[in-house]
Protein backbone atom coordinates (compact mmCIF):
# COMPACT_ATOMS: atom_id res chain seq x y z
CA UNK A 1 9.60 22.40 6.86
CA UNK A 2 6.36 24.37 6.71
CA UNK A 3 2.90 22.86 7.04
CA UNK A 4 1.25 22.78 3.62
CA UNK A 5 -2.24 24.17 3.11
CA UNK A 6 -3.58 20.72 2.18
CA UNK A 7 -2.67 19.29 5.58
CA UNK A 8 -0.88 16.01 6.29
CA UNK A 9 -1.37 12.35 5.39
CA UNK A 10 0.00 9.23 7.08
CA UNK A 11 1.28 6.54 4.70
CA UNK A 12 1.15 2.91 5.85
CA UNK A 13 3.47 0.68 3.80
CA UNK A 14 3.75 -3.10 3.45
CA UNK A 15 5.01 -5.56 0.85
CA UNK A 16 4.53 -9.11 -0.43
CA UNK A 17 7.11 -11.06 -2.41
CA UNK A 18 8.75 -14.33 -3.42
CA UNK A 19 11.46 -15.36 -5.88
CA UNK A 20 9.56 -14.22 -8.98
CA UNK A 21 7.16 -11.41 -8.01
CA UNK A 22 7.31 -8.33 -5.76
CA UNK A 23 4.62 -5.88 -4.69
CA UNK A 24 4.61 -2.95 -2.26
CA UNK A 25 1.65 -0.77 -1.28
CA UNK A 26 1.31 2.61 0.43
CA UNK A 27 -2.05 3.44 1.99
CA UNK A 28 -2.53 7.21 2.50
CA UNK A 29 -4.78 8.14 5.43
CA UNK A 30 -5.74 11.78 6.19
CA UNK A 31 -4.22 12.97 9.45
CA UNK A 32 -4.53 16.79 9.59
CA UNK A 33 -6.91 19.01 7.60
CA UNK A 34 -8.03 22.62 7.62
CA UNK A 35 -11.74 22.45 8.53
CA UNK A 36 -13.73 25.70 8.76
CA UNK A 37 -10.46 27.66 9.08
CA UNK A 38 -9.27 25.47 11.96
CA UNK A 39 -6.53 22.84 11.78
CA UNK A 40 -8.25 19.60 12.77
CA UNK A 41 -6.94 16.09 13.47
CA UNK A 42 -9.11 13.87 11.27
CA UNK A 43 -7.23 10.58 11.73
CA UNK A 44 -9.69 9.44 14.41
CA UNK A 45 -12.51 9.60 11.88
CA UNK A 46 -10.55 7.35 9.53
CA UNK A 47 -9.78 4.94 12.38
CA UNK A 48 -13.47 4.76 13.20
CA UNK A 49 -14.14 3.82 9.56
CA UNK A 50 -11.58 1.02 9.48
CA UNK A 51 -12.73 -0.29 12.86
CA UNK A 52 -16.26 -0.53 11.44
CA UNK A 53 -14.78 -2.37 8.45
CA UNK A 54 -13.35 -4.99 10.80
CA UNK A 55 -16.67 -5.26 12.63
CA UNK A 56 -18.43 -5.93 9.32
CA UNK A 57 -15.86 -8.65 8.57
CA UNK A 58 -16.77 -10.29 11.86
CA UNK A 59 -20.42 -10.46 10.78
CA UNK A 60 -19.89 -11.46 7.15
CA UNK A 61 -16.78 -13.67 7.32
CA UNK A 62 -16.62 -14.59 11.05
CA UNK A 63 -13.17 -13.00 11.43
CA UNK A 64 -12.77 -11.53 14.95
CA UNK A 65 -11.88 -7.85 15.15
CA UNK A 66 -8.84 -8.60 17.32
CA UNK A 67 -7.44 -11.17 14.87
CA UNK A 68 -4.41 -9.86 12.98
CA UNK A 69 -5.02 -9.97 9.23
CA UNK A 70 -2.16 -11.31 7.10
CA UNK A 71 -2.81 -11.66 3.39
CA UNK A 72 -0.66 -14.75 2.92
CA UNK A 73 -2.28 -16.59 5.83
CA UNK A 74 -5.83 -15.58 4.94
CA UNK A 75 -5.43 -16.49 1.29
CA UNK A 76 -4.09 -19.97 2.14
CA UNK A 77 -6.78 -20.72 4.72
CA UNK A 78 -4.24 -20.79 7.55
CA UNK A 79 -4.27 -18.67 10.70
CA UNK A 80 -7.50 -19.94 12.29
CA UNK A 81 -9.55 -16.98 11.13
CA UNK A 82 -13.01 -18.52 11.47
CA UNK A 83 -14.25 -17.36 14.88
CA UNK A 84 -10.59 -17.06 15.88
CA UNK A 85 -10.19 -20.82 16.31
CA UNK A 86 -11.04 -22.72 13.12
CA UNK A 87 -9.41 -22.85 9.70
CA UNK A 88 -11.24 -21.50 6.67
CA UNK A 89 -11.52 -23.71 3.62
CA UNK A 90 -9.79 -22.37 0.50
CA UNK A 91 -13.18 -21.36 -0.90
CA UNK A 92 -14.19 -19.62 2.33
CA UNK A 93 -10.82 -17.86 2.53
CA UNK A 94 -11.13 -16.58 -1.06
CA UNK A 95 -14.65 -15.33 -0.37
CA UNK A 96 -13.52 -13.56 2.83
CA UNK A 97 -10.54 -11.95 1.05
CA UNK A 98 -12.71 -10.58 -1.76
CA UNK A 99 -15.32 -9.35 0.72
CA UNK A 100 -12.69 -7.47 2.74
CA UNK A 101 -11.28 -5.71 -0.32
CA UNK A 102 -14.64 -4.95 -1.94
CA UNK A 103 -15.70 -3.29 1.34
CA UNK A 104 -12.93 -0.66 1.23
CA UNK A 105 -15.15 2.06 -0.21
CA UNK A 106 -14.73 3.96 3.07
CA UNK A 107 -11.17 4.85 2.01
CA UNK A 108 -10.36 8.28 0.50
CA UNK A 109 -10.05 8.72 -3.26
CA UNK A 110 -6.66 7.86 -4.84
CA UNK A 111 -5.24 6.67 -1.49
CA UNK A 112 -3.65 3.41 -2.66
CA UNK A 113 -0.31 3.51 -4.49
CA UNK A 114 1.15 0.14 -5.47
CA UNK A 115 4.39 -0.78 -7.25
CA UNK A 116 5.06 -4.24 -8.71
CA UNK A 117 8.16 -5.83 -10.19
CA UNK A 118 10.49 -8.81 -10.10
CA UNK A 119 13.88 -9.56 -8.52
CA UNK A 120 15.38 -8.22 -11.78
CA UNK A 121 13.72 -4.79 -11.40
CA UNK A 122 16.23 -1.93 -11.52
CA UNK A 123 15.85 1.80 -10.85
CA UNK A 124 18.55 4.44 -10.31
CA UNK A 125 21.13 2.01 -8.96
CA UNK A 126 18.68 0.00 -6.86
CA UNK A 127 17.58 -3.56 -7.56
CA UNK A 128 14.71 -5.83 -6.63
CA UNK A 129 12.62 -4.64 -3.64
CA UNK A 130 14.76 -1.54 -3.08
CA UNK A 131 13.96 -0.42 -6.63
CA UNK A 132 10.25 -0.76 -5.86
CA UNK A 133 10.63 1.25 -2.65
CA UNK A 134 12.37 4.09 -4.52
CA UNK A 135 9.61 4.07 -7.16
CA UNK A 136 7.02 4.17 -4.39
CA UNK A 137 8.72 7.16 -2.76
CA UNK A 138 8.71 9.00 -6.10
CA UNK A 139 4.96 8.45 -6.56
CA UNK A 140 3.85 9.34 -3.05
CA UNK A 141 6.02 12.46 -3.12
CA UNK A 142 4.43 13.57 -6.37
CA UNK A 143 0.93 12.86 -5.05
CA UNK A 144 1.50 14.78 -1.82
CA UNK A 145 3.03 17.75 -3.65
CA UNK A 146 0.15 17.85 -6.16
CA UNK A 147 -2.27 17.94 -3.23
CA UNK A 148 -0.22 20.52 -1.27
CA UNK A 149 0.23 18.12 1.66
CA UNK A 150 2.92 16.92 4.02
CA UNK A 151 3.41 13.28 4.85
CA UNK A 152 4.75 10.81 7.37
CA UNK A 153 5.41 7.10 6.84
CA UNK A 154 4.88 3.95 8.89
CA UNK A 155 6.54 0.71 7.76
CA UNK A 156 5.76 -2.74 9.07
CA UNK A 157 8.51 -3.94 11.40
CA UNK A 158 11.36 -6.08 10.14
CA UNK A 159 12.72 -3.91 7.32
CA UNK A 160 15.52 -1.70 8.55
CA UNK A 161 16.61 -1.10 4.96
CA UNK A 162 13.40 0.89 4.37
CA UNK A 163 14.40 3.44 6.98
CA UNK A 164 17.86 3.77 5.40
CA UNK A 165 16.33 4.35 1.95
CA UNK A 166 13.84 6.81 3.40
CA UNK A 167 16.54 8.88 5.08
CA UNK A 168 18.52 8.98 1.85
CA UNK A 169 15.42 9.91 -0.18
CA UNK A 170 14.70 12.91 2.03
CA UNK A 171 17.96 14.36 0.68
CA UNK A 172 18.38 12.72 -2.70
CA UNK A 173 15.60 11.10 -4.73
CA UNK A 174 16.41 10.98 -8.47
CA UNK A 175 13.30 11.19 -10.62
CA UNK A 176 12.93 10.70 -14.35
CA UNK A 177 10.63 12.56 -16.70
CA UNK A 178 7.91 10.98 -18.82
CA UNK A 179 9.25 13.13 -21.63
CA UNK A 180 12.72 11.70 -20.82
CA UNK A 181 14.21 15.16 -20.50
CA UNK A 182 14.00 17.78 -17.72
CA UNK A 183 15.57 20.36 -20.01
CA UNK A 184 19.18 21.15 -20.86
CA UNK A 185 19.77 17.46 -21.48
CA UNK A 186 18.96 16.35 -17.91
CA UNK A 187 17.44 12.88 -17.83
CA UNK A 188 16.83 12.99 -14.07
CA UNK A 189 16.29 15.60 -11.41
CA UNK A 190 16.55 15.43 -7.61
CA UNK A 191 13.06 15.68 -6.09
CA UNK A 192 13.58 14.63 -2.44
CA UNK A 193 10.95 13.74 0.12
CA UNK A 194 11.51 17.06 1.85
CA UNK A 195 7.80 17.59 2.51
CA UNK A 196 7.77 14.44 4.68
CA UNK A 197 8.74 14.19 8.35
CA UNK A 198 12.41 13.72 9.14
CA UNK A 199 12.33 9.97 9.78
CA UNK A 200 10.29 6.91 8.95
CA UNK A 201 8.39 5.08 11.69
CA UNK A 202 8.06 1.38 12.40
CA UNK A 203 4.69 -0.07 13.40
CA UNK A 204 3.84 -3.60 14.48
CA UNK A 205 1.10 -4.83 12.15
CA UNK A 206 -0.56 -6.65 15.04
CA UNK A 207 -1.48 -3.25 16.49
CA UNK A 208 -2.44 -1.43 13.28
CA UNK A 209 -5.56 -2.05 11.18
CA UNK A 210 -4.06 0.24 8.52
CA UNK A 211 -0.84 -1.78 8.19
CA UNK A 212 -2.94 -4.94 8.02
CA UNK A 213 -5.00 -3.47 5.19
CA UNK A 214 -1.82 -2.44 3.33
CA UNK A 215 -0.65 -6.04 3.75
CA UNK A 216 -3.90 -7.44 2.33
CA UNK A 217 -3.67 -5.14 -0.68
CA UNK A 218 0.02 -5.75 -1.37
CA UNK A 219 -0.54 -9.52 -1.20
CA UNK A 220 -3.58 -9.28 -3.50
CA UNK A 221 -1.42 -7.32 -5.95
CA UNK A 222 1.32 -9.92 -5.63
CA UNK A 223 -1.20 -12.69 -6.42
CA UNK A 224 -2.42 -10.76 -9.45
CA UNK A 225 1.15 -10.54 -10.73
CA UNK A 226 1.69 -14.26 -10.04
CA UNK A 227 -1.42 -14.97 -12.09
CA UNK A 228 -0.04 -12.92 -14.98
CA UNK A 229 3.19 -14.91 -14.72
CA UNK A 230 1.17 -18.17 -14.77
CA UNK A 231 2.92 -19.19 -11.54
CA UNK A 232 -0.06 -19.95 -9.32
CA UNK A 233 -0.36 -23.46 -7.91
CA UNK A 234 -3.32 -25.63 -8.90
CA UNK A 235 -5.26 -24.99 -5.69
CA UNK A 236 -4.53 -21.26 -5.89
CA UNK A 237 -5.76 -21.04 -9.47
CA UNK A 238 -8.96 -22.86 -8.47
CA UNK A 239 -9.95 -20.09 -6.02
CA UNK A 240 -9.10 -17.21 -8.37
CA UNK A 241 -6.71 -15.17 -6.16
CA UNK A 242 -5.44 -13.20 -9.15
CA UNK A 243 -8.84 -11.47 -9.14
CA UNK A 244 -8.76 -10.40 -5.46
CA UNK A 245 -7.19 -7.06 -6.40
CA UNK A 246 -10.02 -6.39 -8.87
CA UNK A 247 -12.47 -6.21 -5.95
CA UNK A 248 -10.94 -2.95 -4.70
CA UNK A 249 -13.12 0.07 -5.64
CA UNK A 250 -11.42 1.78 -8.56
CA UNK A 251 -11.73 5.30 -7.14
CA UNK A 252 -9.39 4.54 -4.21
CA UNK A 253 -6.57 3.39 -6.52
CA UNK A 254 -3.97 6.03 -7.34
CA UNK A 255 -4.25 5.70 -11.11
CA UNK A 256 -2.72 9.18 -11.55
CA UNK A 257 0.61 7.93 -10.19
CA UNK A 258 0.88 5.03 -12.60
CA UNK A 259 -1.02 5.68 -15.81
CA UNK A 260 -2.29 2.13 -15.32
CA UNK A 261 -6.10 1.68 -15.35
CA UNK A 262 -5.81 -0.36 -12.16
CA UNK A 263 -3.32 1.87 -10.41
CA UNK A 264 -0.25 -0.39 -10.50
CA UNK A 265 3.20 1.07 -11.17
CA UNK A 266 5.12 -1.61 -13.07
CA UNK A 267 8.92 -1.80 -13.03
């Protein structure tokens, strides 16, 4: 595999789901770029940006930098996020969640790719969450190829099936055409993840601000879908969690991968 002229991105992936709604998000962070004719590791700059984001959250929402962010816990007011020892009220939790997502303007353009579906979702022989993962691989491959970049992936721990799907997709990743025909009657074509590193990586979210942000975004997307399904509980509906996703700056959403004005690929 050769190094592409556009450099390399690191994709951080996490999901949120229940028995009626599924969401998975990939956050693309620049890792290697050609700067003034010299290959330069730029990941540290991005880490500095997200560390500053956490420091701002400490000042605005009283969430300690060292506290692991989990969308489900934050949204519900659990997890003792206030000063690292007290629970947030539902109203405080909703305000903190929106503030965190609205403050993601430091992220690169088109860096967030999200796929949503249900347990009935089906794609090329895969169902439910696996179908969403395959759809995600298709979109991030297309984005990286369009930008002449290589990629590597980090998944949150606890999903060994992701690694299995990833390994398979590096060899065989069937992809449909928007025109429903690749020519000569072919409805699909194999476009593998062969511009990505040979294996997926597992990262503990506790030790990764980027995985934590992917978790926040996937859960916000999940809540938006639950709102569309009219399946939010009374207390959830009162705090407006289906609008958390809307706080994300539009320019960081990968609308090119979905055709959706809010960057969601829907299965």
